[in-house]
Amino acid sequence: MSERPSPYLKVAAVAGGYAASLAIAVLAVVINVAETNGPVAQASSGMYAFGDLVLFVAVFGLCSLVPTALGLFYLRRHRYFWIVIGVLGIGLVLSIAAVLLFVLAVTGT
């Protein structure tokens, strides 16, 4: 019979996954900056900075899917967590619908 991992080990695994995702994203940006350093990058530094931001968010978002899935897997048996997430999700959808209805009413379309 296998033992379940302790809650501390679960939290450490998820946090370590996010730390690894952060490190990979930072490394991707550092490599990109090193490869695109030159007079063109200096002349358009704002656009290159935004490109670096987009690259960071994309790489971090992709890499953080694994620790997010792991964390949700560990929380699968916690009924109250899923109830709270469900209520927050319904609240988010209703808030977005309210904003869209307000915008449609203001613009008159």
Protein backbone atom coordinates (compact mmCIF):
# COMPACT_ATOMS: atom_id res chain seq x y z
CA MET A 1 0.00 0.00 0.00
CA SER A 2 1.45 3.33 -1.04
CA GLU A 3 1.63 6.31 1.25
CA ARG A 4 0.09 9.63 0.34
CA PRO A 5 2.47 12.55 0.16
CA SER A 6 2.29 14.98 3.04
CA PRO A 7 0.55 18.34 2.54
CA TYR A 8 3.90 20.09 2.88
CA LEU A 9 5.36 18.00 0.08
CA LYS A 10 2.36 18.81 -2.12
CA VAL A 11 2.72 22.55 -1.50
CA ALA A 12 6.47 22.31 -2.10
CA ALA A 13 5.91 20.47 -5.39
CA VAL A 14 3.45 23.08 -6.67
CA ALA A 15 5.57 26.02 -5.47
CA GLY A 16 8.67 24.42 -6.97
CA GLY A 17 6.84 24.03 -10.26
CA TYR A 18 5.96 27.72 -10.28
CA ALA A 19 9.55 28.64 -9.36
CA ALA A 20 10.83 26.49 -12.23
CA SER A 21 8.30 28.13 -14.57
CA LEU A 22 9.52 31.56 -13.47
CA ALA A 23 13.15 30.57 -13.99
CA ILE A 24 12.44 29.20 -17.48
CA ALA A 25 10.55 32.36 -18.46
CA VAL A 26 13.33 34.62 -17.19
CA LEU A 27 15.90 32.51 -19.04
CA ALA A 28 13.89 32.79 -22.26
CA VAL A 29 13.79 36.59 -21.95
CA VAL A 30 17.51 36.77 -21.15
CA ILE A 31 18.33 34.70 -24.24
CA ASN A 32 16.01 36.83 -26.37
CA VAL A 33 17.59 40.07 -25.12
CA ALA A 34 21.09 38.72 -25.77
CA GLU A 35 20.15 37.68 -29.32
CA THR A 36 18.38 40.92 -30.26
CA ASN A 37 20.85 43.40 -28.79
CA GLY A 38 21.94 45.92 -31.39
CA PRO A 39 21.30 49.35 -32.87
CA VAL A 40 17.81 48.44 -34.08
CA ALA A 41 16.86 47.22 -30.60
CA GLN A 42 18.25 50.42 -29.09
CA ALA A 43 16.26 52.59 -31.51
CA SER A 44 13.02 50.72 -30.82
CA SER A 45 13.59 49.90 -27.17
CA GLY A 46 9.96 50.33 -26.15
CA MET A 47 8.70 47.87 -28.73
CA TYR A 48 11.42 45.38 -27.82
CA ALA A 49 10.55 45.75 -24.12
CA PHE A 50 6.90 44.99 -24.88
CA GLY A 51 7.98 41.99 -26.95
CA ASP A 52 10.04 40.76 -24.00
CA LEU A 53 7.01 41.15 -21.75
CA VAL A 54 4.82 39.16 -24.15
CA LEU A 55 7.50 36.46 -24.39
CA PHE A 56 7.77 36.24 -20.60
CA VAL A 57 4.01 35.97 -20.10
CA ALA A 58 3.67 33.36 -22.85
CA VAL A 59 6.51 31.15 -21.61
CA PHE A 60 5.49 31.46 -17.96
CA GLY A 61 1.86 30.77 -18.80
CA LEU A 62 2.73 27.67 -20.79
CA CYS A 63 5.18 26.32 -18.21
CA SER A 64 2.87 27.03 -15.27
CA LEU A 65 0.15 24.75 -16.67
CA VAL A 66 1.88 21.75 -15.10
CA PRO A 67 2.04 23.02 -11.49
CA THR A 68 -1.49 24.42 -11.82
CA ALA A 69 -2.80 21.03 -12.94
CA LEU A 70 -0.87 19.37 -10.13
CA GLY A 71 -2.34 21.75 -7.55
CA LEU A 72 -5.86 21.17 -8.84
CA PHE A 73 -5.23 17.43 -8.80
CA TYR A 74 -4.22 17.64 -5.15
CA LEU A 75 -7.36 19.68 -4.36
CA ARG A 76 -9.74 17.26 -6.10
CA ARG A 77 -11.13 15.82 -2.85
CA HIS A 78 -11.72 19.14 -1.09
CA ARG A 79 -15.42 19.79 -1.66
CA TYR A 80 -15.51 23.31 -0.18
CA PHE A 81 -12.69 24.47 -2.44
CA TRP A 82 -14.71 23.49 -5.51
CA ILE A 83 -17.86 25.11 -4.14
CA VAL A 84 -16.00 28.39 -3.61
CA ILE A 85 -14.40 28.17 -7.07
CA GLY A 86 -17.83 27.49 -8.60
CA VAL A 87 -19.43 30.47 -6.85
CA LEU A 88 -16.53 32.74 -7.85
CA GLY A 89 -16.83 31.52 -11.44
CA ILE A 90 -20.54 32.31 -11.54
CA GLY A 91 -19.82 35.73 -10.03
CA LEU A 92 -17.17 36.41 -12.66
CA VAL A 93 -19.49 35.46 -15.51
CA LEU A 94 -22.29 37.62 -14.12
CA SER A 95 -19.88 40.55 -13.68
CA ILE A 96 -18.67 40.28 -17.28
CA ALA A 97 -22.28 40.08 -18.50
CA ALA A 98 -23.17 43.18 -16.45
CA VAL A 99 -20.24 45.15 -17.91
CA LEU A 100 -21.16 44.10 -21.45
CA LEU A 101 -24.80 45.09 -20.92
CA PHE A 102 -23.69 48.43 -19.49
CA VAL A 103 -21.41 49.10 -22.47
CA LEU A 104 -24.19 48.18 -24.89
CA ALA A 105 -26.61 50.48 -23.08
CA VAL A 106 -24.18 53.41 -23.05
CA THR A 107 -23.15 53.08 -26.69
CA GLY A 108 -26.76 52.58 -27.82
CA THR A 109 -26.07 49.63 -30.10
